Amino acid sequence: MTPSQSTADVAVVGLGRVGLPLALSFADRGLSVIGVDNDPVRLGAVREGRMPFAETGAQELLDRVHGAGGLSLSERVADAAGARHIVITLGTPSFSHIEIDMRDIRSALDDLLGVLTPGHSLILRSTVAPGTTEFVAGYLTKHRGFNIGEEVFVAHAPERIAAGRFLQEIDTLPCIIGGVGERSGEVVAELFSAFRAPIVQTTPVQAELAKIWANIIRYTHFALPNLLMMDCERYEANVFEVIDLINRDYPRGGIAQPGLTAGTCLRKDFAFSEERSAAPGMLLAVSRVNESVPLFLLEGARRRLGTLANRKVAVLGLAFKADTDDERDSLAHKLIRLLERELADVVVHDPHVPTPTLSFEEAVDEAEMVVVATNHSEFCDQRALVEIAARAAGDCLVVDPWNCWGVAQVFAYVSELAALGAIG
């Protein structure tokens, strides 16, 4: 089958948190779409008209697409060749020794090699290391002899949308396209013109670097207040007051608030630059700061409570980001493991994630320590703090690096919070 005989306009390989909303958005704009994924549970949910994860507005979008029949599903990557445009949204992890793991992309390419024909476009949407798009183009030339940019079109169009904002940002964030060869950028721009967002053409490597460094900037941005939080503990200073002093009416302020900085993109994407860095170790230091926050919180609690053995500790939140159900690479899991190694009796509550957890009331009941690991809106409600004060053990230690209740205390006993007027 040639692209001119295609049964679909676009195929999306990988129906995860990047791929599925993209596939639905294409279909909602009238394109015929093939969605490909090897997870039978995920495919089953989509076939039944159920979103397999939370994304604002996505269930309503799936309802429309499901009713209109604009999305067909397959378990076979080779079936993606039934569309003119093939968008790859597979996960791109890194190896532990700071190197991109290309196995999923290579596997998809091998599945497609025998069915690609002149006229196809292949688009990398996932975050990749610099040089990956040119590698894909070279791989197709080496094994099939394609003239990239004339016969087959290859480009990187990086996903830059934040979780929970897909339907808004797909039409507003500039769409970066880094095409290989003469016409790849132009051909891929035709596909993404389905959305209202402006299109910016560049080279493949510049598209790759733009995405990686956007995440690196955020990862570093949050590491600085986390390091400041640790310094303030050492000097018996209040991190939130220091941040206010830095930022208040100062044109060169702008330091962020501390917290558990994680997530599958921020924790791994720095490695795609670090593997060939001219300053090896710089970004690893940033990672080390963010990764040490769970240990910092544990040690701060231990300084105040003594041993944590046999103490009930309630951890509020498993997701890496507020008001999402995404647990991937969340530092809450690391915090829980560290607490368990102290022989604490750890209980967990999260109202969003699919992992079964206790109710809020069960979690905080008679707890000697409560840690806000995720700043979900439910936890930042004043009523949650009142409930903790009423249900937890006498003078429970509350650990809140997010400053959820505006009390400006990372570590505070319930009695201190009451004295500060935080508990009505």
Protein backbone atom coordinates (compact mmCIF):
# COMPACT_ATOMS: atom_id res chain seq x y z
CA MET A 1 0.00 0.00 0.00
CA THR A 2 1.37 3.44 -0.94
CA PRO A 3 0.53 6.59 1.02
CA SER A 4 -1.74 7.70 -1.83
CA GLN A 5 -3.77 4.55 -1.15
CA SER A 6 -3.69 5.00 2.61
CA THR A 7 -6.70 4.10 4.68
CA ALA A 8 -5.88 6.79 7.28
CA ASP A 9 -4.33 10.23 7.48
CA VAL A 10 -2.14 9.67 10.52
CA ALA A 11 -1.03 6.83 12.78
CA VAL A 12 0.11 7.36 16.36
CA VAL A 13 2.41 4.65 17.68
CA GLY A 14 2.15 4.62 21.47
CA LEU A 15 -1.13 5.58 23.15
CA GLY A 16 0.25 6.78 26.46
CA ARG A 17 -0.12 10.20 28.03
CA VAL A 18 1.42 11.87 24.97
CA GLY A 19 0.10 9.69 22.17
CA LEU A 20 -3.54 9.11 23.08
CA PRO A 21 -4.55 12.77 23.54
CA LEU A 22 -2.72 13.56 20.29
CA ALA A 23 -4.49 10.78 18.40
CA LEU A 24 -7.86 11.90 19.77
CA SER A 25 -7.14 15.52 18.89
CA PHE A 26 -6.28 14.61 15.30
CA ALA A 27 -9.46 12.54 15.02
CA ASP A 28 -11.56 15.32 16.56
CA ARG A 29 -10.38 17.61 13.78
CA GLY A 30 -11.63 15.29 11.10
CA LEU A 31 -8.52 13.24 10.35
CA SER A 32 -8.76 9.46 10.15
CA VAL A 33 -6.41 8.02 12.75
CA ILE A 34 -4.83 4.64 13.51
CA GLY A 35 -3.78 4.23 17.14
CA VAL A 36 -1.16 1.59 17.87
CA ASP A 37 -0.23 0.21 21.27
CA ASN A 38 0.93 -3.16 22.60
CA ASP A 39 -0.83 -2.79 25.97
CA PRO A 40 -4.08 -4.82 25.77
CA VAL A 41 -5.51 -3.17 28.88
CA ARG A 42 -5.02 0.31 27.45
CA LEU A 43 -6.41 -0.69 24.06
CA GLY A 44 -9.37 -2.36 25.72
CA ALA A 45 -10.19 0.78 27.68
CA VAL A 46 -10.06 2.96 24.56
CA ARG A 47 -12.18 0.49 22.60
CA GLU A 48 -14.76 0.67 25.37
CA GLY A 49 -14.67 4.45 25.32
CA ARG A 50 -12.82 4.88 28.64
CA MET A 51 -9.75 7.03 29.16
CA PRO A 52 -7.05 4.83 30.78
CA PHE A 53 -5.60 7.83 32.62
CA ALA A 54 -6.67 11.32 33.64
CA GLU A 55 -6.24 14.27 31.28
CA THR A 56 -8.44 17.34 31.53
CA GLY A 57 -11.23 17.19 28.95
CA ALA A 58 -9.95 13.98 27.36
CA GLN A 59 -12.91 11.78 28.30
CA GLU A 60 -15.31 14.15 26.56
CA LEU A 61 -12.96 14.17 23.57
CA LEU A 62 -12.87 10.37 23.52
CA ASP A 63 -16.67 10.29 23.71
CA ARG A 64 -16.91 12.42 20.57
CA VAL A 65 -14.25 10.48 18.68
CA HIS A 66 -15.65 7.12 19.77
CA GLY A 67 -19.08 8.09 18.52
CA ALA A 68 -17.78 9.41 15.19
CA GLY A 69 -15.59 6.37 14.50
CA GLY A 70 -12.53 8.40 13.50
CA LEU A 71 -10.05 6.27 15.45
CA SER A 72 -9.15 2.66 14.66
CA LEU A 73 -6.87 0.65 16.95
CA SER A 74 -4.18 -1.97 16.44
CA GLU A 75 -1.57 -3.91 18.39
CA ARG A 76 0.81 -4.08 15.39
CA VAL A 77 3.28 -1.30 14.64
CA ALA A 78 3.36 -2.37 10.98
CA ASP A 79 -0.32 -1.38 10.69
CA ALA A 80 0.75 2.24 11.15
CA ALA A 81 1.93 2.16 7.54
CA GLY A 82 -1.75 2.30 6.59
CA ALA A 83 -1.51 6.05 7.25
CA ARG A 84 0.47 8.64 5.34
CA HIS A 85 1.94 10.18 8.50
CA ILE A 86 3.37 8.02 11.31
CA VAL A 87 3.93 9.71 14.66
CA ILE A 88 6.05 7.82 17.19
CA THR A 89 5.26 8.68 20.81
CA LEU A 90 7.02 5.80 22.54
CA GLY A 91 8.76 6.28 25.85
CA THR A 92 12.46 7.07 25.67
CA PRO A 93 14.09 6.14 28.98
CA SER A 94 17.76 6.41 29.79
CA PHE A 95 20.09 3.69 30.97
CA SER A 96 21.47 3.99 34.49
CA HIS A 97 24.87 4.88 33.08
CA ILE A 98 23.60 8.12 31.43
CA GLU A 99 22.72 7.05 27.92
CA ILE A 100 19.46 7.15 25.96
CA ASP A 101 17.71 3.80 25.66
CA MET A 102 16.82 3.50 21.97
CA ARG A 103 15.39 -0.02 22.07
CA ASP A 104 11.71 0.90 21.71
CA ILE A 105 12.40 3.28 18.84
CA ARG A 106 14.65 0.75 17.12
CA SER A 107 12.00 -1.93 17.52
CA ALA A 108 9.33 0.31 15.97
CA LEU A 109 11.64 1.18 13.07
CA ASP A 110 12.35 -2.50 12.43
CA ASP A 111 8.62 -3.22 12.38
CA LEU A 112 8.08 -0.42 9.86
CA LEU A 113 11.07 -1.01 7.58
CA GLY A 114 9.37 -3.54 5.36
CA VAL A 115 6.15 -1.56 4.92
CA LEU A 116 7.35 2.02 4.44
CA THR A 117 6.98 3.38 0.92
CA PRO A 118 7.78 6.67 -0.82
CA GLY A 119 5.46 9.39 0.45
CA HIS A 120 5.41 8.27 4.08
CA SER A 121 6.43 10.67 6.82
CA LEU A 122 7.89 9.49 10.12
CA ILE A 123 7.70 11.91 13.04
CA LEU A 124 9.42 11.54 16.41
CA ARG A 125 7.22 13.17 19.05
CA SER A 126 8.92 11.77 22.15
CA THR A 127 11.90 13.46 23.78
CA VAL A 128 15.13 12.13 22.27
CA ALA A 129 18.86 12.74 22.61
CA PRO A 130 20.56 15.09 20.13
CA GLY A 131 21.24 13.29 16.86
CA THR A 132 18.40 10.76 17.21
CA THR A 133 16.31 12.17 14.36
CA GLU A 134 19.29 12.05 12.00
CA PHE A 135 19.93 8.50 13.21
CA VAL A 136 16.37 7.51 12.26
CA ALA A 137 16.79 9.07 8.83
CA GLY A 138 20.11 7.31 8.36
CA TYR A 139 18.63 4.01 9.53
CA LEU A 140 15.93 4.20 6.86
CA THR A 141 18.49 5.08 4.22
CA LYS A 142 20.87 2.32 5.29
CA HIS A 143 18.26 -0.43 5.32
CA ARG A 144 15.87 0.71 2.59
CA GLY A 145 17.85 3.20 0.51
CA PHE A 146 15.30 6.00 0.91
CA ASN A 147 16.21 9.55 -0.05
CA ILE A 148 15.10 11.32 3.11
CA GLY A 149 13.38 14.61 2.42
CA GLU A 150 12.45 13.58 -1.13
CA GLU A 151 10.95 10.08 -0.93
CA VAL A 152 10.34 9.55 2.79
CA PHE A 153 10.08 12.42 5.26
CA VAL A 154 11.55 12.37 8.77
CA ALA A 155 11.23 15.04 11.44
CA HIS A 156 11.24 15.69 15.16
CA ALA A 157 8.17 17.56 16.42
CA PRO A 158 8.74 17.48 20.19
CA GLU A 159 5.86 17.25 22.63
CA ARG A 160 6.05 20.18 25.06
CA ILE A 161 2.56 20.11 26.58
CA ALA A 162 2.13 19.91 30.36
CA ALA A 163 0.02 17.19 31.94
CA GLY A 164 -3.56 18.33 32.39
CA ARG A 165 -3.25 21.08 29.76
CA PHE A 166 -3.17 19.11 26.53
CA LEU A 167 -6.38 20.34 24.95
CA GLN A 168 -5.47 23.93 25.68
CA GLU A 169 -1.82 23.89 24.71
CA ILE A 170 -2.07 21.79 21.53
CA ASP A 171 -3.63 24.88 19.92
CA THR A 172 -1.47 27.53 21.59
CA LEU A 173 2.11 26.35 22.13
CA PRO A 174 4.31 26.88 19.07
CA CYS A 175 4.87 23.56 17.30
CA ILE A 176 8.58 23.07 16.66
CA ILE A 177 9.42 20.95 13.61
CA GLY A 178 12.96 19.85 12.81
CA GLY A 179 12.89 18.16 9.41
CA VAL A 180 15.64 16.13 7.74
CA GLY A 181 16.38 16.99 4.12
CA GLU A 182 14.67 19.24 1.64
CA ARG A 183 10.93 18.82 2.28
CA SER A 184 10.43 16.93 5.55
CA GLY A 185 9.62 20.03 7.58
CA GLU A 186 7.09 21.19 5.01
CA VAL A 187 5.33 17.81 4.82
CA VAL A 188 5.10 17.41 8.58
CA ALA A 189 3.86 20.98 8.93
CA GLU A 190 0.90 19.99 6.74
CA LEU A 191 -0.10 17.44 9.37
CA PHE A 192 0.26 19.72 12.38
CA SER A 193 -1.57 22.55 10.64
CA ALA A 194 -4.66 20.68 11.83
CA PHE A 195 -4.09 22.64 15.05
CA ARG A 196 -4.16 26.42 15.49
CA ALA A 197 -0.71 26.67 17.06
CA PRO A 198 2.01 28.50 15.12
CA ILE A 199 4.60 26.25 13.46
CA VAL A 200 8.31 26.96 13.81
CA GLN A 201 10.70 25.26 11.38
CA THR A 202 14.25 24.47 12.45
CA THR A 203 16.89 21.76 12.16
CA PRO A 204 16.41 18.36 13.78
CA VAL A 205 19.15 18.82 16.36
CA GLN A 206 17.90 22.26 17.36
CA ALA A 207 14.40 20.82 17.86
CA GLU A 208 15.90 18.07 20.03
CA LEU A 209 17.97 20.52 22.08
CA ALA A 210 15.03 22.89 22.54
CA LYS A 211 12.90 20.16 24.12
CA ILE A 212 15.65 18.71 26.29
CA TRP A 213 16.76 22.07 27.59
CA ALA A 214 13.23 23.26 28.29
CA ASN A 215 12.98 20.37 30.75
CA ILE A 216 16.50 20.92 32.08
CA ILE A 217 15.66 24.56 32.82
CA ARG A 218 12.61 23.51 34.85
CA TYR A 219 14.54 20.78 36.67
CA THR A 220 17.27 23.26 37.60
CA HIS A 221 14.73 25.97 38.43
CA PHE A 222 13.22 23.75 41.12
CA ALA A 223 16.56 22.42 42.38
CA LEU A 224 17.62 25.86 43.58
CA PRO A 225 14.81 26.35 46.14
CA ASN A 226 15.24 22.74 47.23
CA LEU A 227 18.92 23.38 47.95
CA LEU A 228 17.98 26.62 49.69
CA MET A 229 15.50 24.68 51.85
CA MET A 230 18.33 22.41 52.97
CA ASP A 231 20.60 25.38 53.68
CA CYS A 232 17.88 27.06 55.73
CA GLU A 233 17.48 23.94 57.86
CA ARG A 234 21.23 24.00 58.51
CA TYR A 235 21.20 27.67 59.56
CA GLU A 236 17.86 27.50 61.38
CA ALA A 237 16.29 29.90 58.91
CA ASN A 238 12.84 29.82 57.32
CA VAL A 239 13.05 28.96 53.62
CA PHE A 240 9.70 30.55 52.77
CA GLU A 241 10.66 33.82 54.43
CA VAL A 242 14.01 33.84 52.63
CA ILE A 243 12.28 33.22 49.30
CA ASP A 244 9.94 36.10 50.04
CA LEU A 245 12.93 38.33 50.80
CA ILE A 246 14.54 37.32 47.50
CA ASN A 247 11.45 37.88 45.39
CA ARG A 248 9.58 40.77 47.01
CA ASP A 249 9.63 43.84 44.76
CA TYR A 250 12.99 42.78 43.36
CA PRO A 251 13.29 42.85 39.55
CA ARG A 252 15.92 40.11 39.50
CA GLY A 253 14.20 37.73 41.93
CA GLY A 254 12.01 34.89 40.77
CA ILE A 255 13.17 31.88 42.79
CA ALA A 256 10.50 29.16 42.89
CA GLN A 257 9.03 27.33 45.89
CA PRO A 258 10.54 24.05 47.14
CA GLY A 259 8.90 20.64 46.74
CA LEU A 260 9.43 17.09 45.56
CA THR A 261 10.59 17.74 42.00
CA ALA A 262 10.20 14.66 39.84
CA GLY A 263 8.18 13.19 36.98
CA THR A 264 9.24 11.00 34.13
CA CYS A 265 10.39 13.88 31.92
CA LEU A 266 12.29 16.02 34.40
CA ARG A 267 14.12 13.15 36.07
CA LYS A 268 15.47 11.55 32.89
CA ASP A 269 15.75 14.17 30.16
CA PHE A 270 18.86 15.82 31.59
CA ALA A 271 20.66 12.53 30.85
CA PHE A 272 20.13 13.05 27.11
CA SER A 273 22.40 16.08 27.34
CA GLU A 274 24.68 14.72 30.05
CA GLU A 275 25.75 11.68 28.00
CA ARG A 276 27.88 13.95 25.76
CA SER A 277 28.18 17.00 27.96
CA ALA A 278 31.04 19.47 27.84
CA ALA A 279 30.51 19.97 31.59
CA PRO A 280 30.04 16.43 32.90
CA GLY A 281 28.51 16.32 36.34
CA MET A 282 26.83 19.72 36.31
CA LEU A 283 23.37 18.38 35.58
CA LEU A 284 24.00 15.32 37.72
CA ALA A 285 24.46 17.74 40.62
CA VAL A 286 21.07 19.28 39.86
CA SER A 287 19.55 15.81 39.86
CA ARG A 288 21.27 14.95 43.12
CA VAL A 289 19.71 17.98 44.83
CA ASN A 290 16.18 17.08 43.75
CA GLU A 291 16.70 13.40 44.48
CA SER A 292 17.88 14.15 48.02
CA VAL A 293 14.68 15.94 49.09
CA PRO A 294 13.00 12.76 50.43
CA LEU A 295 16.06 12.00 52.57
CA PHE A 296 16.17 15.63 53.75
CA LEU A 297 12.55 15.40 54.89
CA LEU A 298 13.18 12.09 56.65
CA GLU A 299 16.27 13.36 58.46
CA GLY A 300 14.48 16.57 59.46
CA ALA A 301 11.68 14.50 60.96
CA ARG A 302 14.12 12.25 62.75
CA ARG A 303 15.86 15.26 64.32
CA ARG A 304 12.51 16.33 65.75
CA LEU A 305 10.95 12.99 66.66
CA GLY A 306 13.94 10.77 67.31
CA THR A 307 13.47 7.24 66.05
CA LEU A 308 10.73 6.67 63.49
CA ALA A 309 10.53 2.97 64.23
CA ASN A 310 6.97 1.82 64.96
CA ARG A 311 5.60 5.32 64.49
CA LYS A 312 2.60 5.72 62.17
CA VAL A 313 3.54 8.02 59.29
CA ALA A 314 0.87 9.17 56.83
CA VAL A 315 2.15 10.08 53.37
CA LEU A 316 -0.33 12.23 51.47
CA GLY A 317 0.14 11.87 47.72
CA LEU A 318 1.75 9.42 45.30
CA ALA A 319 1.49 11.41 42.06
CA PHE A 320 4.49 13.46 40.98
CA LYS A 321 2.34 16.51 40.22
CA ALA A 322 -0.66 18.16 41.83
CA ASP A 323 -4.12 17.00 40.76
CA THR A 324 -2.88 14.31 38.33
CA ASP A 325 -2.97 10.53 38.52
CA ASP A 326 0.56 10.11 37.15
CA GLU A 327 2.88 8.26 39.56
CA ARG A 328 5.73 7.76 37.10
CA ASP A 329 9.07 8.63 38.72
CA SER A 330 7.33 10.26 41.68
CA LEU A 331 9.64 10.90 44.62
CA ALA A 332 6.80 9.96 46.96
CA HIS A 333 7.69 6.33 46.34
CA LYS A 334 11.31 6.98 47.29
CA LEU A 335 10.18 8.75 50.45
CA ILE A 336 7.99 5.79 51.39
CA ARG A 337 10.85 3.33 50.88
CA LEU A 338 13.17 5.45 53.04
CA LEU A 339 10.57 5.63 55.79
CA GLU A 340 10.04 1.89 55.67
CA ARG A 341 13.79 1.39 56.07
CA GLU A 342 13.46 3.34 59.32
CA LEU A 343 10.82 0.77 60.38
CA ALA A 344 8.08 3.39 60.37
CA ASP A 345 4.49 2.17 59.93
CA VAL A 346 3.78 3.94 56.63
CA VAL A 347 0.25 4.50 55.33
CA VAL A 348 -0.66 6.33 52.13
CA HIS A 349 -3.57 8.32 50.76
CA ASP A 350 -3.95 9.76 47.26
CA PRO A 351 -7.39 10.59 45.82
CA HIS A 352 -6.20 10.61 42.19
CA VAL A 353 -3.86 7.70 41.43
CA PRO A 354 -5.02 4.23 40.33
CA THR A 355 -2.92 2.55 43.03
CA PRO A 356 -5.23 1.56 45.91
CA THR A 357 -4.63 3.71 49.01
CA LEU A 358 -6.38 4.31 52.32
CA SER A 359 -8.99 7.00 52.79
CA PHE A 360 -7.77 10.35 54.10
CA GLU A 361 -9.38 9.69 57.46
CA GLU A 362 -7.84 6.23 57.80
CA ALA A 363 -4.41 7.53 56.83
CA VAL A 364 -4.21 10.43 59.28
CA ASP A 365 -6.03 8.74 62.16
CA GLU A 366 -3.56 8.54 65.10
CA ALA A 367 -0.62 9.36 62.81
CA GLU A 368 2.43 10.70 64.60
CA MET A 369 3.73 12.30 61.42
CA VAL A 370 1.95 13.50 58.27
CA VAL A 371 3.96 14.28 55.15
CA VAL A 372 2.48 16.19 52.21
CA ALA A 373 4.30 14.47 49.36
CA THR A 374 2.06 15.86 46.59
CA ASN A 375 0.40 19.26 46.70
CA HIS A 376 -3.02 18.06 45.54
CA SER A 377 -5.70 20.73 45.93
CA GLU A 378 -7.54 18.45 48.38
CA PHE A 379 -4.54 18.53 50.72
CA CYS A 380 -4.03 22.28 50.44
CA ASP A 381 -7.60 22.93 51.57
CA GLN A 382 -7.70 24.34 55.11
CA ARG A 383 -10.21 21.65 56.05
CA ALA A 384 -7.55 18.98 55.51
CA LEU A 385 -5.29 20.59 58.10
CA VAL A 386 -8.18 20.88 60.56
CA GLU A 387 -8.93 17.19 60.01
CA ILE A 388 -5.29 16.26 60.62
CA ALA A 389 -5.30 18.22 63.89
CA ALA A 390 -8.49 16.48 64.99
CA ARG A 391 -7.58 12.91 64.02
CA ALA A 392 -3.80 12.58 64.30
CA ALA A 393 -1.90 11.64 67.44
CA GLY A 394 -1.25 14.34 70.02
CA ASP A 395 1.09 17.02 68.67
CA CYS A 396 1.61 15.24 65.37
CA LEU A 397 4.54 16.49 63.25
CA VAL A 398 3.34 17.92 59.93
CA VAL A 399 5.91 17.99 57.10
CA ASP A 400 4.90 20.29 54.26
CA PRO A 401 7.67 21.33 51.84
CA TRP A 402 5.03 22.78 49.48
CA ASN A 403 3.67 25.30 52.00
CA CYS A 404 0.20 24.02 51.15
CA TRP A 405 -1.56 26.00 53.88
CA GLY A 406 0.52 29.15 53.69
CA VAL A 407 1.94 28.58 57.16
CA ALA A 408 5.54 28.85 55.91
CA GLN A 409 6.83 25.89 57.95
CA VAL A 410 8.44 22.82 56.37
CA PHE A 411 8.36 21.05 59.74
CA ALA A 412 5.81 22.00 62.38
CA TYR A 413 3.97 20.31 65.22
CA VAL A 414 0.19 20.67 65.27
CA SER A 415 0.54 22.81 68.42
CA GLU A 416 2.81 25.22 66.53
CA LEU A 417 0.37 25.43 63.62
CA ALA A 418 -2.44 26.16 66.08
CA ALA A 419 -0.34 28.90 67.72
CA LEU A 420 0.26 30.42 64.28
CA GLY A 421 -3.48 30.53 63.71
CA ALA A 422 -3.41 27.97 60.91
CA ILE A 423 -6.00 25.76 62.53
CA GLY A 424 -9.36 27.40 63.06
